N, C-alpha and C. Protein backbone atom coordinates (compact mmCIF):
# COMPACT_ATOMS: atom_id res chain seq x y z
N MET A 1 140.07 96.70 57.14
CA MET A 1 139.28 97.79 56.65
C MET A 1 138.27 98.28 57.67
N ASP A 2 137.53 97.33 58.33
CA ASP A 2 136.57 97.68 59.34
C ASP A 2 137.14 98.51 60.48
N LYS A 3 138.31 98.18 60.95
CA LYS A 3 138.92 98.81 62.06
C LYS A 3 139.21 100.25 61.67
N GLU A 4 139.68 100.46 60.40
CA GLU A 4 140.00 101.80 59.89
C GLU A 4 138.74 102.62 59.82
N ILE A 5 137.69 102.08 59.28
CA ILE A 5 136.38 102.76 59.09
C ILE A 5 135.88 103.14 60.48
N TYR A 6 135.90 102.19 61.42
CA TYR A 6 135.42 102.52 62.72
C TYR A 6 136.18 103.68 63.39
N SER A 7 137.53 103.57 63.37
CA SER A 7 138.32 104.58 64.07
C SER A 7 138.21 105.93 63.38
N LEU A 8 138.12 105.93 62.05
CA LEU A 8 138.00 107.24 61.40
C LEU A 8 136.65 107.90 61.67
N ILE A 9 135.58 107.10 61.69
CA ILE A 9 134.27 107.68 61.93
C ILE A 9 134.18 108.16 63.44
N LYS A 10 134.76 107.31 64.29
CA LYS A 10 134.77 107.73 65.74
C LYS A 10 135.47 109.03 65.91
N LYS A 11 136.54 109.27 65.09
CA LYS A 11 137.28 110.54 65.12
C LYS A 11 136.63 111.66 64.40
N ARG A 12 135.40 111.37 63.82
CA ARG A 12 134.65 112.31 63.09
C ARG A 12 135.35 112.75 61.79
N SER A 13 136.06 111.76 61.12
CA SER A 13 136.69 112.02 59.88
C SER A 13 135.78 111.66 58.73
N GLU A 14 135.57 112.56 57.81
CA GLU A 14 134.70 112.21 56.67
C GLU A 14 135.34 111.11 55.82
N LYS A 15 136.57 110.92 55.89
CA LYS A 15 137.25 109.85 55.16
C LYS A 15 136.66 108.48 55.67
N GLY A 16 136.34 108.35 56.84
CA GLY A 16 135.71 107.16 57.37
C GLY A 16 134.39 106.83 56.70
N MET A 17 133.67 107.93 56.46
CA MET A 17 132.33 107.71 55.82
C MET A 17 132.54 107.37 54.33
N GLU A 18 133.50 108.01 53.65
CA GLU A 18 133.82 107.63 52.36
C GLU A 18 134.18 106.10 52.21
N LEU A 19 135.06 105.69 53.08
CA LEU A 19 135.40 104.29 53.09
C LEU A 19 134.20 103.34 53.42
N LEU A 20 133.32 103.74 54.30
CA LEU A 20 132.13 103.01 54.65
C LEU A 20 131.25 102.91 53.41
N ILE A 21 131.04 103.98 52.74
CA ILE A 21 130.14 104.02 51.57
C ILE A 21 130.76 103.17 50.48
N ASN A 22 132.03 103.26 50.16
CA ASN A 22 132.66 102.46 49.21
C ASN A 22 132.54 100.92 49.53
N GLU A 23 132.59 100.57 50.81
CA GLU A 23 132.61 99.15 51.23
C GLU A 23 131.19 98.63 51.33
N TYR A 24 130.28 99.38 51.93
CA TYR A 24 128.98 98.86 52.33
C TYR A 24 127.78 99.48 51.62
N ALA A 25 127.92 100.33 50.65
CA ALA A 25 126.76 100.90 49.96
C ALA A 25 125.89 99.83 49.26
N PRO A 26 126.43 98.91 48.61
CA PRO A 26 125.58 97.85 48.03
C PRO A 26 124.76 97.07 49.04
N LEU A 27 125.38 96.74 50.15
CA LEU A 27 124.61 96.03 51.28
C LEU A 27 123.50 96.91 51.75
N ILE A 28 123.75 98.13 52.08
CA ILE A 28 122.79 99.02 52.63
C ILE A 28 121.66 99.24 51.66
N LYS A 29 122.00 99.44 50.40
CA LYS A 29 120.91 99.60 49.37
C LYS A 29 120.06 98.44 49.18
N ALA A 30 120.70 97.23 49.19
CA ALA A 30 119.92 95.96 49.05
C ALA A 30 118.96 95.79 50.18
N ILE A 31 119.42 96.07 51.41
CA ILE A 31 118.55 95.94 52.60
C ILE A 31 117.36 96.93 52.62
N VAL A 32 117.70 98.23 52.25
CA VAL A 32 116.60 99.22 52.24
C VAL A 32 115.60 98.81 51.07
N LYS A 33 116.08 98.48 49.92
CA LYS A 33 115.11 98.10 48.79
C LYS A 33 114.33 96.92 49.18
N LYS A 34 114.94 95.90 49.90
CA LYS A 34 114.16 94.73 50.30
C LYS A 34 112.92 95.15 51.22
N HIS A 35 113.16 96.00 52.08
CA HIS A 35 112.11 96.36 53.04
C HIS A 35 111.22 97.49 52.55
N LEU A 36 111.74 98.32 51.70
CA LEU A 36 110.87 99.47 51.14
C LEU A 36 110.53 99.21 49.70
N TYR A 37 110.38 98.05 49.23
CA TYR A 37 110.05 97.78 47.82
C TYR A 37 108.78 98.47 47.33
N ASN A 38 107.82 98.67 48.20
CA ASN A 38 106.60 99.42 47.86
C ASN A 38 106.71 100.88 47.86
N PHE A 39 107.85 101.34 48.34
CA PHE A 39 108.07 102.77 48.46
C PHE A 39 109.46 103.30 47.86
N PRO A 40 109.57 103.03 46.58
CA PRO A 40 110.87 103.40 46.00
C PRO A 40 111.28 104.85 46.11
N GLN A 41 110.31 105.67 46.25
CA GLN A 41 110.53 107.17 46.43
C GLN A 41 111.29 107.50 47.72
N TYR A 42 111.19 106.59 48.71
CA TYR A 42 111.90 106.80 49.96
C TYR A 42 113.16 106.07 50.15
N HIS A 43 113.65 105.34 49.11
CA HIS A 43 114.89 104.60 49.27
C HIS A 43 116.09 105.59 49.62
N GLU A 44 116.24 106.59 48.81
CA GLU A 44 117.40 107.48 49.02
C GLU A 44 117.45 108.19 50.31
N GLU A 45 116.27 108.65 50.79
CA GLU A 45 116.08 109.30 52.07
C GLU A 45 116.41 108.32 53.18
N CYS A 46 115.96 107.08 53.07
CA CYS A 46 116.25 106.10 54.10
C CYS A 46 117.78 105.74 54.19
N ILE A 47 118.36 105.56 53.06
CA ILE A 47 119.79 105.29 52.87
C ILE A 47 120.58 106.36 53.57
N ASN A 48 120.26 107.62 53.31
CA ASN A 48 120.94 108.80 53.92
C ASN A 48 120.74 108.76 55.42
N ASP A 49 119.54 108.38 55.87
CA ASP A 49 119.28 108.26 57.30
C ASP A 49 120.10 107.19 57.91
N VAL A 50 120.36 106.09 57.22
CA VAL A 50 121.17 105.03 57.71
C VAL A 50 122.59 105.50 57.89
N TYR A 51 123.13 106.26 56.95
CA TYR A 51 124.51 106.83 57.06
C TYR A 51 124.54 107.76 58.30
N LEU A 52 123.57 108.61 58.40
CA LEU A 52 123.55 109.56 59.59
C LEU A 52 123.51 108.78 60.92
N LYS A 53 122.68 107.73 60.94
CA LYS A 53 122.57 106.93 62.16
C LYS A 53 123.92 106.30 62.47
N ILE A 54 124.62 105.77 61.51
CA ILE A 54 125.97 105.20 61.66
C ILE A 54 126.89 106.25 62.27
N TRP A 55 126.90 107.38 61.66
CA TRP A 55 127.78 108.46 62.01
C TRP A 55 127.52 108.92 63.51
N ASN A 56 126.29 109.05 63.87
CA ASN A 56 125.90 109.53 65.17
C ASN A 56 126.02 108.47 66.28
N ASN A 57 126.05 107.20 65.91
CA ASN A 57 125.98 106.11 66.91
C ASN A 57 127.16 105.17 66.75
N ILE A 58 128.24 105.53 66.17
CA ILE A 58 129.38 104.66 66.06
C ILE A 58 129.92 104.22 67.42
N THR A 59 129.80 105.05 68.36
CA THR A 59 130.42 104.65 69.72
C THR A 59 129.61 103.49 70.35
N SER A 60 128.36 103.25 69.87
CA SER A 60 127.67 102.13 70.38
C SER A 60 127.98 100.79 69.77
N PHE A 61 128.82 100.85 68.71
CA PHE A 61 129.33 99.62 68.17
C PHE A 61 130.28 98.99 69.10
N ASP A 62 130.08 97.67 69.33
CA ASP A 62 130.95 96.92 70.25
C ASP A 62 131.58 95.73 69.42
N LYS A 63 132.93 95.95 69.09
CA LYS A 63 133.58 94.91 68.28
C LYS A 63 133.71 93.54 69.02
N GLU A 64 133.41 93.52 70.30
CA GLU A 64 133.50 92.30 71.01
C GLU A 64 132.19 91.41 70.78
N LYS A 65 131.14 92.11 70.48
CA LYS A 65 129.81 91.47 70.33
C LYS A 65 129.48 91.16 68.86
N ASN A 66 130.01 91.92 67.93
CA ASN A 66 129.57 91.88 66.59
C ASN A 66 130.61 92.35 65.68
N ILE A 67 130.35 92.11 64.32
CA ILE A 67 131.34 92.66 63.31
C ILE A 67 130.62 93.87 62.69
N LEU A 68 131.36 94.82 62.19
CA LEU A 68 130.90 96.09 61.67
C LEU A 68 129.79 95.84 60.63
N LYS A 69 130.01 94.88 59.69
CA LYS A 69 129.15 94.65 58.65
C LYS A 69 127.76 94.27 59.17
N ASN A 70 127.66 93.46 60.17
CA ASN A 70 126.41 93.00 60.74
C ASN A 70 125.73 94.15 61.49
N TRP A 71 126.54 94.92 62.13
CA TRP A 71 125.96 96.09 62.83
C TRP A 71 125.41 97.12 61.85
N ILE A 72 126.03 97.32 60.77
CA ILE A 72 125.53 98.24 59.77
C ILE A 72 124.28 97.68 59.10
N ALA A 73 124.30 96.37 58.89
CA ALA A 73 123.09 95.72 58.19
C ALA A 73 121.94 95.90 59.24
N ALA A 74 122.07 95.70 60.49
CA ALA A 74 121.00 95.80 61.40
C ALA A 74 120.44 97.24 61.47
N ILE A 75 121.32 98.20 61.44
CA ILE A 75 120.89 99.61 61.36
C ILE A 75 120.03 99.83 60.10
N ALA A 76 120.51 99.39 59.00
CA ALA A 76 119.83 99.57 57.72
C ALA A 76 118.42 98.84 57.75
N LYS A 77 118.39 97.64 58.34
CA LYS A 77 117.16 96.92 58.35
C LYS A 77 116.14 97.62 59.20
N TYR A 78 116.51 98.02 60.47
CA TYR A 78 115.61 98.70 61.32
C TYR A 78 115.21 100.07 60.91
N ARG A 79 116.09 100.79 60.18
CA ARG A 79 115.71 102.17 59.70
C ARG A 79 114.64 101.97 58.62
N ALA A 80 114.83 100.95 57.73
CA ALA A 80 113.94 100.71 56.66
C ALA A 80 112.60 100.27 57.25
N ILE A 81 112.56 99.45 58.22
CA ILE A 81 111.28 99.05 58.87
C ILE A 81 110.59 100.27 59.48
N ASP A 82 111.31 101.11 60.13
CA ASP A 82 110.75 102.26 60.71
C ASP A 82 110.12 103.14 59.59
N TYR A 83 110.82 103.34 58.44
CA TYR A 83 110.22 104.15 57.33
C TYR A 83 109.01 103.43 56.88
N LYS A 84 109.04 102.16 56.73
CA LYS A 84 107.83 101.43 56.18
C LYS A 84 106.59 101.66 57.14
N ARG A 85 106.88 101.49 58.45
CA ARG A 85 105.77 101.81 59.39
C ARG A 85 105.19 103.14 59.28
N LYS A 86 106.15 104.07 59.17
CA LYS A 86 105.77 105.57 59.17
C LYS A 86 104.84 105.79 57.88
N TYR A 87 105.32 105.31 56.77
CA TYR A 87 104.66 105.61 55.57
C TYR A 87 103.32 104.71 55.37
N LEU A 88 103.31 103.57 55.98
CA LEU A 88 102.04 102.83 55.91
C LEU A 88 101.02 103.51 56.77
N LYS A 89 101.47 104.02 57.94
CA LYS A 89 100.53 104.75 58.82
C LYS A 89 99.99 106.02 58.08
N THR A 90 100.85 106.67 57.37
CA THR A 90 100.44 107.88 56.59
C THR A 90 99.37 107.49 55.56
N LEU A 91 99.63 106.32 54.84
CA LEU A 91 98.68 105.93 53.80
C LEU A 91 97.26 105.51 54.49
N GLU A 92 97.39 104.84 55.61
CA GLU A 92 96.10 104.53 56.29
C GLU A 92 95.33 105.70 56.71
N HIS A 93 96.03 106.81 57.17
CA HIS A 93 95.43 107.97 57.56
C HIS A 93 94.77 108.67 56.31
N ILE A 94 95.49 108.74 55.18
CA ILE A 94 94.99 109.26 54.00
C ILE A 94 93.74 108.51 53.49
N ASN A 95 93.75 107.25 53.59
CA ASN A 95 92.64 106.36 53.13
C ASN A 95 91.41 106.64 53.99
N VAL A 96 91.65 106.79 55.28
CA VAL A 96 90.47 107.10 56.21
C VAL A 96 89.84 108.39 55.80
N LYS A 97 90.71 109.42 55.49
CA LYS A 97 90.13 110.70 55.13
C LYS A 97 89.37 110.66 53.78
N LEU A 98 89.91 109.80 52.84
CA LEU A 98 89.28 109.78 51.54
C LEU A 98 87.92 109.00 51.65
N GLU A 99 87.79 108.08 52.51
CA GLU A 99 86.60 107.36 52.73
C GLU A 99 85.48 108.25 53.36
N MET A 100 85.82 109.19 54.07
CA MET A 100 84.84 110.05 54.74
C MET A 100 84.12 110.97 53.80
């Protein structure tokens, strides 16, 4: 299944993304929710960003170094962490303004 997903996405076939979503959506959602538990309003946006990142960076996946599932999980984890940093920074900025 992973080989098919990889080759279809690499060929820019939407069918590859459909297969990826069917296979890995629960994993991606779980990882995003774990890291963004304080920001449920951003879950969907982050998940969509993960899919876009996979689509745009499929050529950087190296099947000799990793399996697709782990590569996808890493993307989801680091996108969620990036979102968390971004929104925590925004909250800090808002709190500073409110205190003035």
